[in-house]
Amino acid sequence: MTISEKIAKGSDETLFTLHREGSFCKCYNEDAMVFIKRIKNYKLNSKFVKSIGTAVLSFGFPASEFSKGNLTFDILCEKLGAKKYD
């Protein structure tokens, strides 16, 4: 999946997307802002992506947060007001 596809998914207000990238989960732009405001405050990074001609906001956290139980999909759903997850 390209960065432009990830950003397009992130701008859909009806979806919240976490992207698995190696051993990390990452969020981009709008999804990153929602996560930081409602779930947990992580350091937000900004990087200019030449291929799409704009700056992209993102953050990542270790996927092990889920396996350790520090972060669960149920917690995500509750704090985001989501009804379900796939």
Protein backbone atom coordinates (compact mmCIF):
# COMPACT_ATOMS: atom_id res chain seq x y z
CA MET A 1 0.00 0.00 0.00
CA THR A 2 1.41 3.38 -0.96
CA ILE A 3 1.56 6.41 1.31
CA SER A 4 -1.12 8.16 -0.75
CA GLU A 5 -3.47 5.18 -0.25
CA LYS A 6 -2.80 5.22 3.48
CA ILE A 7 -3.54 8.94 3.66
CA ALA A 8 -6.75 8.49 1.65
CA LYS A 9 -7.96 5.85 4.12
CA GLY A 10 -6.99 8.12 7.00
CA SER A 11 -9.13 10.96 5.69
CA ASP A 12 -12.30 8.84 5.70
CA GLU A 13 -14.23 10.02 8.76
CA THR A 14 -16.16 6.74 9.05
CA LEU A 15 -13.00 4.63 9.45
CA PHE A 16 -10.06 4.60 11.81
CA THR A 17 -6.99 2.94 10.37
CA LEU A 18 -3.88 1.51 11.98
CA HIS A 19 -1.29 0.23 9.54
CA ARG A 20 0.98 -2.65 10.50
CA GLU A 21 4.49 -1.79 9.32
CA GLY A 22 6.96 -4.39 10.47
CA SER A 23 6.81 -4.63 14.24
CA PHE A 24 5.04 -1.26 14.56
CA CYS A 25 1.54 0.09 14.08
CA LYS A 26 1.32 3.51 12.43
CA CYS A 27 -1.36 6.14 11.94
CA TYR A 28 -1.35 8.99 9.47
CA ASN A 29 -2.80 12.52 9.36
CA GLU A 30 -6.39 12.67 10.67
CA ASP A 31 -6.27 9.22 12.25
CA ALA A 32 -3.04 10.15 14.04
CA MET A 33 -4.65 13.29 15.47
CA VAL A 34 -7.73 11.39 16.66
CA PHE A 35 -5.57 8.71 18.30
CA ILE A 36 -3.42 11.26 20.12
CA LYS A 37 -6.44 13.21 21.37
CA ARG A 38 -8.57 10.24 22.47
CA ILE A 39 -6.32 7.26 23.18
CA LYS A 40 -2.76 8.08 24.16
CA ASN A 41 -0.43 11.00 23.65
CA TYR A 42 2.43 9.96 21.39
CA LYS A 43 5.01 12.17 19.68
CA LEU A 44 3.67 13.24 16.29
CA ASN A 45 6.13 13.39 13.39
CA SER A 46 5.84 15.55 10.30
CA LYS A 47 7.65 14.62 7.11
CA PHE A 48 7.44 16.14 3.64
CA VAL A 49 6.71 13.40 1.11
CA LYS A 50 7.90 14.48 -2.31
CA SER A 51 5.81 11.91 -4.24
CA ILE A 52 2.55 13.46 -3.01
CA GLY A 53 3.86 17.00 -2.59
CA THR A 54 2.76 17.59 1.00
CA ALA A 55 3.73 17.05 4.60
CA VAL A 56 2.41 13.92 6.28
CA LEU A 57 1.73 13.61 10.01
CA SER A 58 2.36 10.21 11.55
CA PHE A 59 3.29 8.31 14.66
CA GLY A 60 4.02 4.70 15.45
CA PHE A 61 4.06 2.42 18.43
CA PRO A 62 5.23 -1.15 18.93
CA ALA A 63 2.64 -3.75 17.96
CA SER A 64 3.63 -5.54 21.17
CA GLU A 65 1.43 -3.01 23.02
CA PHE A 66 -1.51 -5.18 21.92
CA SER A 67 0.05 -8.50 22.95
CA LYS A 68 1.16 -7.12 26.33
CA GLY A 69 -2.40 -5.99 27.01
CA ASN A 70 -1.42 -2.33 27.40
CA LEU A 71 -3.69 -1.48 24.50
CA THR A 72 -6.61 -3.60 23.31
CA PHE A 73 -8.98 -3.29 20.41
CA ASP A 74 -11.86 -3.05 22.89
CA ILE A 75 -10.22 -0.01 24.50
CA LEU A 76 -9.69 1.53 21.07
CA CYS A 77 -13.32 0.98 20.13
CA GLU A 78 -14.60 2.41 23.39
CA LYS A 79 -12.47 5.57 23.28
CA LEU A 80 -13.07 6.14 19.57
CA GLY A 81 -16.80 5.49 19.79
CA ALA A 82 -16.50 2.63 17.32
CA LYS A 83 -19.07 -0.13 17.16
CA LYS A 84 -16.80 -2.86 15.85
CA TYR A 85 -13.43 -3.66 14.36
CA ASP A 86 -12.15 -6.11 11.75
